Each structure stands twice: as structure tokens, then as C-alpha cells.
């Protein structure tokens, strides 16, 4: 049986064997209780709508931000609702579901 030929570059990428990984596109712009990735955000506003404590607000361009960190309870609604995974909890912070007081 003959050895298979090396696949073309587009096939290598599709198969998951990336020969030249791309540089990260989204750099977080804020690290506190929440970390935002504005490069991933499509500015839909879902995160601010579900924020029951009104800790999240939106800039005029639609980008969300943590307006009042004291109000944020780390309830997880914003990052679980975000369709773009543009918000994550800072792993150094403790929240309601982490046994924080």
C-alpha cells in the first residue's frame, strides 16, 4: 500500500493540524471582576439586558463595560448569555456560585 500524499495547506488547516497558528485576535481591555474581549463582541446588548444588578452598561458604540464593580455579584448571567463568548469571569475573583461570602 502506498503512503498517502501530504495534503495541501487548506486541508491541513481544516483537519486541525495547523502548521502556522494565527496570532490572537482579541486582547482583553479590562481585567477586574469581568474580562471583556471587544474584538469578539458584536455589541448586541444582551449582557446589559440580563444584568439584574445594573452593573453593566454600554458605551455609545455599544461596547459593554463594568460600570459599577461593587454592584456586580458575578452571577454569571452576562457571560452565559453572551453569544460571542466576549465576556468571561476573571478566574481570580470569587462569585455567588464559588462559595464567596
PDB file of N, CA and C in Angstrom:
ATOM      1  N   UNK A   1       0.839  -1.169   0.000  1.00  0.00           N
ATOM      2  CA  UNK A   1       0.000   0.000   0.000  1.00  0.00           C
ATOM      3  C   UNK A   1       0.889   1.239   0.000  1.00  0.00           C
ATOM      4  N   UNK A   2       0.565   2.196  -0.850  1.00  0.00           N
ATOM      5  CA  UNK A   2       1.363   3.411  -0.981  1.00  0.00           C
ATOM      6  C   UNK A   2       1.051   4.388   0.149  1.00  0.00           C
ATOM      7  N   UNK A   3       2.074   5.115   0.554  1.00  0.00           N
ATOM      8  CA  UNK A   3       1.915   6.125   1.588  1.00  0.00           C
ATOM      9  C   UNK A   3       1.101   7.291   1.020  1.00  0.00           C
ATOM     10  N   UNK A   4       0.102   7.793   1.787  1.00  0.00           N
ATOM     11  CA  UNK A   4      -0.700   8.894   1.245  1.00  0.00           C
ATOM     12  C   UNK A   4       0.135  10.157   1.062  1.00  0.00           C
ATOM     13  N   UNK A   5      -0.216  10.940   0.070  1.00  0.00           N
ATOM     14  CA  UNK A   5       0.484  12.198  -0.205  1.00  0.00           C
ATOM     15  C   UNK A   5       0.147  13.221   0.871  1.00  0.00           C
ATOM     16  N   UNK A   6       1.068  14.135   1.109  1.00  0.00           N
ATOM     17  CA  UNK A   6       0.842  15.200   2.082  1.00  0.00           C
ATOM     18  C   UNK A   6      -0.293  16.088   1.576  1.00  0.00           C
ATOM     19  N   UNK A   7      -1.281  16.355   2.445  1.00  0.00           N
ATOM     20  CA  UNK A   7      -2.416  17.164   1.993  1.00  0.00           C
ATOM     21  C   UNK A   7      -2.019  18.618   1.761  1.00  0.00           C
ATOM     22  N   UNK A   8      -2.756  19.327   0.897  1.00  0.00           N
ATOM     23  CA  UNK A   8      -2.464  20.742   0.672  1.00  0.00           C
ATOM     24  C   UNK A   8      -2.733  21.542   1.952  1.00  0.00           C
ATOM     25  N   UNK A   9      -2.213  22.765   2.023  1.00  0.00           N
ATOM     26  CA  UNK A   9      -2.274  23.577   3.231  1.00  0.00           C
ATOM     27  C   UNK A   9      -3.704  23.824   3.692  1.00  0.00           C
ATOM     28  N   UNK A  10      -4.657  24.074   2.779  1.00  0.00           N
ATOM     29  CA  UNK A  10      -6.022  24.321   3.217  1.00  0.00           C
ATOM     30  C   UNK A  10      -6.636  23.079   3.852  1.00  0.00           C
ATOM     31  N   UNK A  11      -6.228  21.922   3.421  1.00  0.00           N
ATOM     32  CA  UNK A  11      -6.706  20.687   4.022  1.00  0.00           C
ATOM     33  C   UNK A  11      -6.083  20.473   5.400  1.00  0.00           C
ATOM     34  N   UNK A  12      -4.846  20.856   5.579  1.00  0.00           N
ATOM     35  CA  UNK A  12      -4.193  20.731   6.877  1.00  0.00           C
ATOM     36  C   UNK A  12      -4.913  21.599   7.907  1.00  0.00           C
ATOM     37  N   UNK A  13      -5.278  22.809   7.533  1.00  0.00           N
ATOM     38  CA  UNK A  13      -5.973  23.700   8.459  1.00  0.00           C
ATOM     39  C   UNK A  13      -7.350  23.143   8.797  1.00  0.00           C
ATOM     40  N   UNK A  14      -8.080  22.645   7.799  1.00  0.00           N
ATOM     41  CA  UNK A  14      -9.407  22.106   8.055  1.00  0.00           C
ATOM     42  C   UNK A  14      -9.357  20.881   8.953  1.00  0.00           C
ATOM     43  N   UNK A  15      -8.301  20.123   8.896  1.00  0.00           N
ATOM     44  CA  UNK A  15      -8.219  18.912   9.697  1.00  0.00           C
ATOM     45  C   UNK A  15      -7.760  19.178  11.125  1.00  0.00           C
ATOM     46  N   UNK A  16      -7.355  20.405  11.418  1.00  0.00           N
ATOM     47  CA  UNK A  16      -6.930  20.741  12.766  1.00  0.00           C
ATOM     48  C   UNK A  16      -5.432  20.723  12.951  1.00  0.00           C
ATOM     49  N   UNK A  17      -4.691  20.324  11.958  1.00  0.00           N
ATOM     50  CA  UNK A  17      -3.238  20.317  12.045  1.00  0.00           C
ATOM     51  C   UNK A  17      -2.718  21.633  11.488  1.00  0.00           C
ATOM     52  N   UNK A  18      -2.738  22.658  12.308  1.00  0.00           N
ATOM     53  CA  UNK A  18      -2.364  23.989  11.858  1.00  0.00           C
ATOM     54  C   UNK A  18      -0.851  24.126  11.906  1.00  0.00           C
ATOM     55  N   UNK A  19      -0.263  24.386  10.742  1.00  0.00           N
ATOM     56  CA  UNK A  19       1.184  24.489  10.674  1.00  0.00           C
ATOM     57  C   UNK A  19       1.680  25.875  11.101  1.00  0.00           C
ATOM     58  N   UNK A  20       0.879  26.901  10.879  1.00  0.00           N
ATOM     59  CA  UNK A  20       1.239  28.267  11.267  1.00  0.00           C
ATOM     60  C   UNK A  20       0.062  28.858  12.050  1.00  0.00           C
ATOM     61  N   UNK A  21       0.057  28.693  13.368  1.00  0.00           N
ATOM     62  CA  UNK A  21      -1.066  29.228  14.132  1.00  0.00           C
ATOM     63  C   UNK A  21      -1.159  30.741  14.033  1.00  0.00           C
ATOM     64  N   UNK A  22      -2.371  31.250  14.000  1.00  0.00           N
ATOM     65  CA  UNK A  22      -2.598  32.685  13.911  1.00  0.00           C
ATOM     66  C   UNK A  22      -2.360  33.343  15.260  1.00  0.00           C
ATOM     67  N   UNK A  23      -1.965  34.584  15.213  1.00  0.00           N
ATOM     68  CA  UNK A  23      -1.793  35.355  16.451  1.00  0.00           C
ATOM     69  C   UNK A  23      -3.163  35.642  17.044  1.00  0.00           C
ATOM     70  N   UNK A  24      -3.262  35.760  18.352  1.00  0.00           N
ATOM     71  CA  UNK A  24      -4.557  36.049  18.961  1.00  0.00           C
ATOM     72  C   UNK A  24      -5.140  37.352  18.436  1.00  0.00           C
ATOM     73  N   UNK A  25      -6.431  37.338  18.114  1.00  0.00           N
ATOM     74  CA  UNK A  25      -7.099  38.498  17.552  1.00  0.00           C
ATOM     75  C   UNK A  25      -7.737  39.367  18.625  1.00  0.00           C
ATOM     76  N   UNK A  26      -8.126  38.769  19.733  1.00  0.00           N
ATOM     77  CA  UNK A  26      -8.861  39.518  20.737  1.00  0.00           C
ATOM     78  C   UNK A  26      -8.038  39.664  22.012  1.00  0.00           C
ATOM     79  N   UNK A  27      -7.694  40.875  22.321  1.00  0.00           N
ATOM     80  CA  UNK A  27      -6.965  41.167  23.546  1.00  0.00           C
ATOM     81  C   UNK A  27      -7.941  41.772  24.541  1.00  0.00           C
ATOM     82  N   UNK A  28      -7.975  41.282  25.759  1.00  0.00           N
ATOM     83  CA  UNK A  28      -8.902  41.864  26.728  1.00  0.00           C
ATOM     84  C   UNK A  28      -8.521  43.297  27.052  1.00  0.00           C
ATOM     85  N   UNK A  29      -9.529  44.158  27.221  1.00  0.00           N
ATOM     86  CA  UNK A  29      -9.228  45.559  27.515  1.00  0.00           C
ATOM     87  C   UNK A  29      -9.454  45.894  28.972  1.00  0.00           C
ATOM     88  N   UNK A  30      -9.993  44.992  29.759  1.00  0.00           N
ATOM     89  CA  UNK A  30     -10.234  45.283  31.161  1.00  0.00           C
ATOM     90  C   UNK A  30     -10.135  44.004  31.951  1.00  0.00           C
ATOM     91  N   UNK A  31      -9.364  44.012  32.993  1.00  0.00           N
ATOM     92  CA  UNK A  31      -9.265  42.852  33.864  1.00  0.00           C
ATOM     93  C   UNK A  31      -9.627  43.295  35.272  1.00  0.00           C
ATOM     94  N   UNK A  32     -10.758  42.863  35.745  1.00  0.00           N
ATOM     95  CA  UNK A  32     -11.243  43.151  37.087  1.00  0.00           C
ATOM     96  C   UNK A  32     -12.089  41.960  37.477  1.00  0.00           C
ATOM     97  N   UNK A  33     -13.336  42.201  37.839  1.00  0.00           N
ATOM     98  CA  UNK A  33     -14.243  41.088  38.099  1.00  0.00           C
ATOM     99  C   UNK A  33     -14.554  40.345  36.802  1.00  0.00           C
ATOM    100  N   UNK A  34     -14.710  41.107  35.730  1.00  0.00           N
ATOM    101  CA  UNK A  34     -15.013  40.541  34.415  1.00  0.00           C
ATOM    102  C   UNK A  34     -13.915  40.918  33.437  1.00  0.00           C
ATOM    103  N   UNK A  35     -13.720  40.079  32.436  1.00  0.00           N
ATOM    104  CA  UNK A  35     -12.768  40.367  31.372  1.00  0.00           C
ATOM    105  C   UNK A  35     -13.561  40.442  30.078  1.00  0.00           C
ATOM    106  N   UNK A  36     -13.423  41.548  29.359  1.00  0.00           N
ATOM    107  CA  UNK A  36     -14.148  41.778  28.117  1.00  0.00           C
ATOM    108  C   UNK A  36     -13.208  41.603  26.931  1.00  0.00           C
ATOM    109  N   UNK A  37     -13.702  40.980  25.879  1.00  0.00           N
ATOM    110  CA  UNK A  37     -12.965  40.814  24.626  1.00  0.00           C
ATOM    111  C   UNK A  37     -13.701  41.600  23.545  1.00  0.00           C
ATOM    112  N   UNK A  38     -13.372  42.878  23.370  1.00  0.00           N
ATOM    113  CA  UNK A  38     -14.112  43.710  22.420  1.00  0.00           C
ATOM    114  C   UNK A  38     -13.994  43.250  20.972  1.00  0.00           C
ATOM    115  N   UNK A  39     -12.941  42.550  20.627  1.00  0.00           N
ATOM    116  CA  UNK A  39     -12.801  42.042  19.262  1.00  0.00           C
ATOM    117  C   UNK A  39     -13.800  40.949  18.933  1.00  0.00           C
ATOM    118  N   UNK A  40     -14.335  40.300  19.942  1.00  0.00           N
ATOM    119  CA  UNK A  40     -15.325  39.239  19.731  1.00  0.00           C
ATOM    120  C   UNK A  40     -16.749  39.760  19.839  1.00  0.00           C
ATOM    121  N   UNK A  41     -16.929  40.896  20.506  1.00  0.00           N
ATOM    122  CA  UNK A  41     -18.257  41.427  20.805  1.00  0.00           C
ATOM    123  C   UNK A  41     -18.913  42.010  19.558  1.00  0.00           C
ATOM    124  N   UNK A  42     -20.194  41.654  19.333  1.00  0.00           N
ATOM    125  CA  UNK A  42     -20.926  42.244  18.214  1.00  0.00           C
ATOM    126  C   UNK A  42     -21.870  43.342  18.687  1.00  0.00           C
ATOM    127  N   UNK A  43     -21.757  43.706  19.972  1.00  0.00           N
ATOM    128  CA  UNK A  43     -22.478  44.836  20.549  1.00  0.00           C
ATOM    129  C   UNK A  43     -23.987  44.650  20.502  1.00  0.00           C
ATOM    130  N   UNK A  44     -24.449  43.433  20.813  1.00  0.00           N
ATOM    131  CA  UNK A  44     -25.882  43.127  20.769  1.00  0.00           C
ATOM    132  C   UNK A  44     -26.627  43.645  21.992  1.00  0.00           C
ATOM    133  N   UNK A  45     -25.932  43.834  23.121  1.00  0.00           N
ATOM    134  CA  UNK A  45     -26.560  44.368  24.314  1.00  0.00           C
ATOM    135  C   UNK A  45     -27.230  43.344  25.212  1.00  0.00           C
ATOM    136  N   UNK A  46     -27.153  42.070  24.869  1.00  0.00           N
ATOM    137  CA  UNK A  46     -27.792  41.046  25.700  1.00  0.00           C
ATOM    138  C   UNK A  46     -27.229  41.026  27.122  1.00  0.00           C
ATOM    139  N   UNK A  47     -25.946  41.233  27.255  1.00  0.00           N
ATOM    140  CA  UNK A  47     -25.320  41.192  28.577  1.00  0.00           C
ATOM    141  C   UNK A  47     -25.873  42.282  29.487  1.00  0.00           C
ATOM    142  N   UNK A  48     -26.084  43.470  28.947  1.00  0.00           N
ATOM    143  CA  UNK A  48     -26.599  44.562  29.767  1.00  0.00           C
ATOM    144  C   UNK A  48     -28.077  44.363  30.090  1.00  0.00           C
ATOM    145  N   UNK A  49     -28.805  43.716  29.220  1.00  0.00           N
ATOM    146  CA  UNK A  49     -30.227  43.453  29.465  1.00  0.00           C
ATOM    147  C   UNK A  49     -30.405  42.451  30.601  1.00  0.00           C
ATOM    148  N   UNK A  50     -29.589  41.411  30.642  1.00  0.00           N
ATOM    149  CA  UNK A  50     -29.756  40.368  31.660  1.00  0.00           C
ATOM    150  C   UNK A  50     -29.099  40.712  32.987  1.00  0.00           C
ATOM    151  N   UNK A  51     -28.339  41.780  33.054  1.00  0.00           N
ATOM    152  CA  UNK A  51     -27.653  42.152  34.290  1.00  0.00           C
ATOM    153  C   UNK A  51     -28.668  42.695  35.289  1.00  0.00           C
ATOM    154  N   UNK A  52     -29.047  41.873  36.264  1.00  0.00           N
ATOM    155  CA  UNK A  52     -30.082  42.253  37.228  1.00  0.00           C
ATOM    156  C   UNK A  52     -29.614  43.315  38.207  1.00  0.00           C
ATOM    157  N   UNK A  53     -28.320  43.438  38.401  1.00  0.00           N
ATOM    158  CA  UNK A  53     -27.795  44.435  39.338  1.00  0.00           C
ATOM    159  C   UNK A  53     -27.464  45.760  38.653  1.00  0.00           C
ATOM    160  N   UNK A  54     -27.632  45.820  37.345  1.00  0.00           N
ATOM    161  CA  UNK A  54     -27.332  47.007  36.542  1.00  0.00           C
ATOM    162  C   UNK A  54     -25.878  47.452  36.672  1.00  0.00           C
ATOM    163  N   UNK A  55     -24.984  46.481  36.844  1.00  0.00           N
ATOM    164  CA  UNK A  55     -23.563  46.776  36.933  1.00  0.00           C
ATOM    165  C   UNK A  55     -22.945  46.978  35.558  1.00  0.00           C
ATOM    166  N   UNK A  56     -23.528  46.363  34.530  1.00  0.00           N
ATOM    167  CA  UNK A  56     -23.021  46.509  33.164  1.00  0.00           C
ATOM    168  C   UNK A  56     -23.748  47.625  32.449  1.00  0.00           C
ATOM    169  N   UNK A  57     -23.010  48.406  31.712  1.00  0.00           N
ATOM    170  CA  UNK A  57     -23.552  49.472  30.867  1.00  0.00           C
ATOM    171  C   UNK A  57     -22.903  49.345  29.498  1.00  0.00           C
ATOM    172  N   UNK A  58     -23.388  50.146  28.540  1.00  0.00           N
ATOM    173  CA  UNK A  58     -22.823  50.143  27.198  1.00  0.00           C
ATOM    174  C   UNK A  58     -22.324  51.537  26.850  1.00  0.00           C
ATOM    175  N   UNK A  59     -21.157  51.563  26.193  1.00  0.00           N
ATOM    176  CA  UNK A  59     -20.656  52.818  25.641  1.00  0.00           C
ATOM    177  C   UNK A  59     -21.571  53.219  24.485  1.00  0.00           C
ATOM    178  N   UNK A  60     -21.402  54.419  23.964  1.00  0.00           N
ATOM    179  CA  UNK A  60     -22.228  54.890  22.840  1.00  0.00           C
ATOM    180  C   UNK A  60     -22.103  53.985  21.620  1.00  0.00           C
ATOM    181  N   UNK A  61     -20.937  53.362  21.441  1.00  0.00           N
ATOM    182  CA  UNK A  61     -20.752  52.468  20.294  1.00  0.00           C
ATOM    183  C   UNK A  61     -21.335  51.071  20.547  1.00  0.00           C
ATOM    184  N   UNK A  62     -21.862  50.818  21.742  1.00  0.00           N
ATOM    185  CA  UNK A  62     -22.481  49.540  22.056  1.00  0.00           C
ATOM    186  C   UNK A  62     -21.601  48.570  22.815  1.00  0.00           C
ATOM    187  N   UNK A  63     -20.342  48.912  22.997  1.00  0.00           N
ATOM    188  CA  UNK A  63     -19.424  48.036  23.717  1.00  0.00           C
ATOM    189  C   UNK A  63     -19.778  48.014  25.201  1.00  0.00           C
ATOM    190  N   UNK A  64     -19.936  46.819  25.794  1.00  0.00           N
ATOM    191  CA  UNK A  64     -20.275  46.752  27.213  1.00  0.00           C
ATOM    192  C   UNK A  64     -19.062  47.036  28.100  1.00  0.00           C
ATOM    193  N   UNK A  65     -19.346  47.509  29.294  1.00  0.00           N
ATOM    194  CA  UNK A  65     -18.296  47.726  30.282  1.00  0.00           C
ATOM    195  C   UNK A  65     -18.895  47.572  31.669  1.00  0.00           C
ATOM    196  N   UNK A  66     -18.057  47.305  32.633  1.00  0.00           N
ATOM    197  CA  UNK A  66     -18.485  47.167  34.012  1.00  0.00           C
ATOM    198  C   UNK A  66     -18.512  48.560  34.631  1.00  0.00           C
ATOM    199  N   UNK A  67     -19.707  49.130  34.736  1.00  0.00           N
ATOM    200  CA  UNK A  67     -19.854  50.498  35.223  1.00  0.00           C
ATOM    201  C   UNK A  67     -19.671  50.595  36.729  1.00  0.00           C
ATOM    202  N   UNK A  68     -20.121  49.588  37.452  1.00  0.00           N
ATOM    203  CA  UNK A  68     -20.015  49.617  38.914  1.00  0.00           C
ATOM    204  C   UNK A  68     -19.636  48.225  39.408  1.00  0.00           C
ATOM    205  N   UNK A  69     -18.362  48.037  39.695  1.00  0.00           N
ATOM    206  CA  UNK A  69     -17.866  46.723  40.121  1.00  0.00           C
ATOM    207  C   UNK A  69     -18.471  46.286  41.446  1.00  0.00           C
ATOM    208  N   UNK A  70     -18.847  47.230  42.296  1.00  0.00           N
ATOM    209  CA  UNK A  70     -19.449  46.871  43.587  1.00  0.00           C
ATOM    210  C   UNK A  70     -20.821  46.235  43.412  1.00  0.00           C
ATOM    211  N   UNK A  71     -21.540  46.624  42.361  1.00  0.00           N
ATOM    212  CA  UNK A  71     -22.867  46.059  42.100  1.00  0.00           C
ATOM    213  C   UNK A  71     -22.787  44.655  41.488  1.00  0.00           C
ATOM    214  N   UNK A  72     -21.690  44.354  40.822  1.00  0.00           N
ATOM    215  CA  UNK A  72     -21.547  43.064  40.140  1.00  0.00           C
ATOM    216  C   UNK A  72     -21.426  41.942  41.173  1.00  0.00           C
ATOM    217  N   UNK A  73     -22.338  40.970  41.077  1.00  0.00           N
ATOM    218  CA  UNK A  73     -22.342  39.839  42.012  1.00  0.00           C
ATOM    219  C   UNK A  73     -21.705  38.590  41.404  1.00  0.00           C
ATOM    220  N   UNK A  74     -21.198  38.699  40.200  1.00  0.00           N
ATOM    221  CA  UNK A  74     -20.635  37.558  39.466  1.00  0.00           C
ATOM    222  C   UNK A  74     -21.656  36.419  39.375  1.00  0.00           C
ATOM    223  N   UNK A  75     -22.893  36.797  39.060  1.00  0.00           N
ATOM    224  CA  UNK A  75     -23.978  35.813  38.970  1.00  0.00           C
ATOM    225  C   UNK A  75     -23.847  34.925  37.738  1.00  0.00           C
ATOM    226  N   UNK A  76     -23.075  35.302  36.773  1.00  0.00           N
ATOM    227  CA  UNK A  76     -22.770  34.571  35.543  1.00  0.00           C
ATOM    228  C   UNK A  76     -23.771  34.784  34.419  1.00  0.00           C
ATOM    229  N   UNK A  77     -24.807  35.579  34.616  1.00  0.00           N
ATOM    230  CA  UNK A  77     -25.794  35.772  33.554  1.00  0.00           C
ATOM    231  C   UNK A  77     -25.199  36.409  32.304  1.00  0.00           C
ATOM    232  N   UNK A  78     -24.324  37.390  32.481  1.00  0.00           N
ATOM    233  CA  UNK A  78     -23.774  38.079  31.306  1.00  0.00           C
ATOM    234  C   UNK A  78     -22.914  37.156  30.463  1.00  0.00           C
ATOM    235  N   UNK A  79     -21.986  36.436  31.080  1.00  0.00           N
ATOM    236  CA  UNK A  79     -21.097  35.615  30.263  1.00  0.00           C
ATOM    237  C   UNK A  79     -21.769  34.347  29.779  1.00  0.00           C
ATOM    238  N   UNK A  80     -22.800  33.882  30.438  1.00  0.00           N
ATOM    239  CA  UNK A  80     -23.532  32.709  29.934  1.00  0.00           C
ATOM    240  C   UNK A  80     -24.497  33.081  28.824  1.00  0.00           C
ATOM    241  N   UNK A  81     -24.936  34.344  28.792  1.00  0.00           N
ATOM    242  CA  UNK A  81     -25.855  34.813  27.769  1.00  0.00           C
ATOM    243  C   UNK A  81     -25.129  35.273  26.508  1.00  0.00           C
ATOM    244  N   UNK A  82     -23.913  35.730  26.645  1.00  0.00           N
ATOM    245  CA  UNK A  82     -23.173  36.298  25.514  1.00  0.00           C
ATOM    246  C   UNK A  82     -22.999  35.271  24.392  1.00  0.00           C
ATOM    247  N   UNK A  83     -23.569  35.545  23.205  1.00  0.00           N
ATOM    248  CA  UNK A  83     -23.442  34.603  22.095  1.00  0.00           C
ATOM    249  C   UNK A  83     -22.040  34.559  21.492  1.00  0.00           C
ATOM    250  N   UNK A  84     -21.216  35.552  21.818  1.00  0.00           N
ATOM    251  CA  UNK A  84     -19.879  35.646  21.236  1.00  0.00           C
ATOM    252  C   UNK A  84     -18.766  35.223  22.191  1.00  0.00           C
ATOM    253  N   UNK A  85     -19.131  34.848  23.428  1.00  0.00           N
ATOM    254  CA  UNK A  85     -18.143  34.500  24.454  1.00  0.00           C
ATOM    255  C   UNK A  85     -17.165  35.658  24.672  1.00  0.00           C
ATOM    256  N   UNK A  86     -17.686  36.884  24.587  1.00  0.00           N
ATOM    257  CA  UNK A  86     -16.862  38.075  24.695  1.00  0.00           C
ATOM    258  C   UNK A  86     -16.690  38.558  26.127  1.00  0.00           C
ATOM    259  N   UNK A  87     -17.373  37.911  27.079  1.00  0.00           N
ATOM    260  CA  UNK A  87     -17.231  38.255  28.491  1.00  0.00           C
ATOM    261  C   UNK A  87     -16.907  36.979  29.249  1.00  0.00           C
ATOM    262  N   UNK A  88     -15.931  37.048  30.103  1.00  0.00           N
ATOM    263  CA  UNK A  88     -15.616  35.916  30.974  1.00  0.00           C
ATOM    264  C   UNK A  88     -15.361  36.439  32.381  1.00  0.00           C
ATOM    265  N   UNK A  89     -15.555  35.574  33.339  1.00  0.00           N
ATOM    266  CA  UNK A  89     -15.252  35.931  34.719  1.00  0.00           C
ATOM    267  C   UNK A  89     -13.751  35.866  34.918  1.00  0.00           C
ATOM    268  N   UNK A  90     -13.230  36.827  35.633  1.00  0.00           N
ATOM    269  CA  UNK A  90     -11.816  36.788  35.976  1.00  0.00           C
ATOM    270  C   UNK A  90     -11.604  35.588  36.900  1.00  0.00           C
ATOM    271  N   UNK A  91     -10.736  34.666  36.561  1.00  0.00           N
ATOM    272  CA  UNK A  91     -10.557  33.472  37.388  1.00  0.00           C
ATOM    273  C   UNK A  91     -10.051  33.769  38.797  1.00  0.00           C
ATOM    274  N   UNK A  92      -9.539  34.968  39.039  1.00  0.00           N
ATOM    275  CA  UNK A  92      -9.057  35.327  40.365  1.00  0.00           C
ATOM    276  C   UNK A  92     -10.162  35.829  41.289  1.00  0.00           C
ATOM    277  N   UNK A  93     -11.367  36.042  40.740  1.00  0.00           N
ATOM    278  CA  UNK A  93     -12.481  36.577  41.526  1.00  0.00           C
ATOM    279  C   UNK A  93     -13.383  35.458  42.019  1.00  0.00           C
ATOM    280  N   UNK A  94     -13.973  35.644  43.191  1.00  0.00           N
ATOM    281  CA  UNK A  94     -14.937  34.703  43.744  1.00  0.00           C
ATOM    282  C   UNK A  94     -16.328  35.265  43.538  1.00  0.00           C
ATOM    283  N   UNK A  95     -17.289  34.404  43.183  1.00  0.00           N
ATOM    284  CA  UNK A  95     -18.657  34.850  42.946  1.00  0.00           C
ATOM    285  C   UNK A  95     -19.655  34.075  43.755  1.00  0.00           C
ATOM    286  N   UNK A  96     -20.942  34.285  43.452  1.00  0.00           N
ATOM    287  CA  UNK A  96     -22.030  33.631  44.173  1.00  0.00           C
ATOM    288  C   UNK A  96     -21.918  32.110  44.114  1.00  0.00           C
ATOM    289  N   UNK A  97     -21.596  31.591  42.939  1.00  0.00           N
ATOM    290  CA  UNK A  97     -21.549  30.144  42.760  1.00  0.00           C
ATOM    291  C   UNK A  97     -20.211  29.525  43.178  1.00  0.00           C
ATOM    292  N   UNK A  98     -19.272  30.353  43.638  1.00  0.00           N
ATOM    293  CA  UNK A  98     -17.957  29.863  44.044  1.00  0.00           C
ATOM    294  C   UNK A  98     -17.789  29.777  45.551  1.00  0.00           C
ATOM    295  N   UNK A  99     -18.862  30.016  46.290  1.00  0.00           N
ATOM    296  CA  UNK A  99     -18.766  29.960  47.738  1.00  0.00           C
ATOM    297  C   UNK A  99     -18.258  31.246  48.367  1.00  0.00           C
ATOM    298  N   UNK A 100     -18.327  32.341  47.648  1.00  0.00           N
ATOM    299  CA  UNK A 100     -17.879  33.626  48.194  1.00  0.00           C
ATOM    300  C   UNK A 100     -18.916  34.129  49.197  1.00  0.00           C
ATOM    301  N   UNK A 101     -18.457  34.961  50.081  1.00  0.00           N
ATOM    302  CA  UNK A 101     -19.368  35.491  51.092  1.00  0.00           C
ATOM    303  C   UNK A 101     -20.039  36.750  50.606  1.00  0.00           C
TER     304      UNK A 101
END
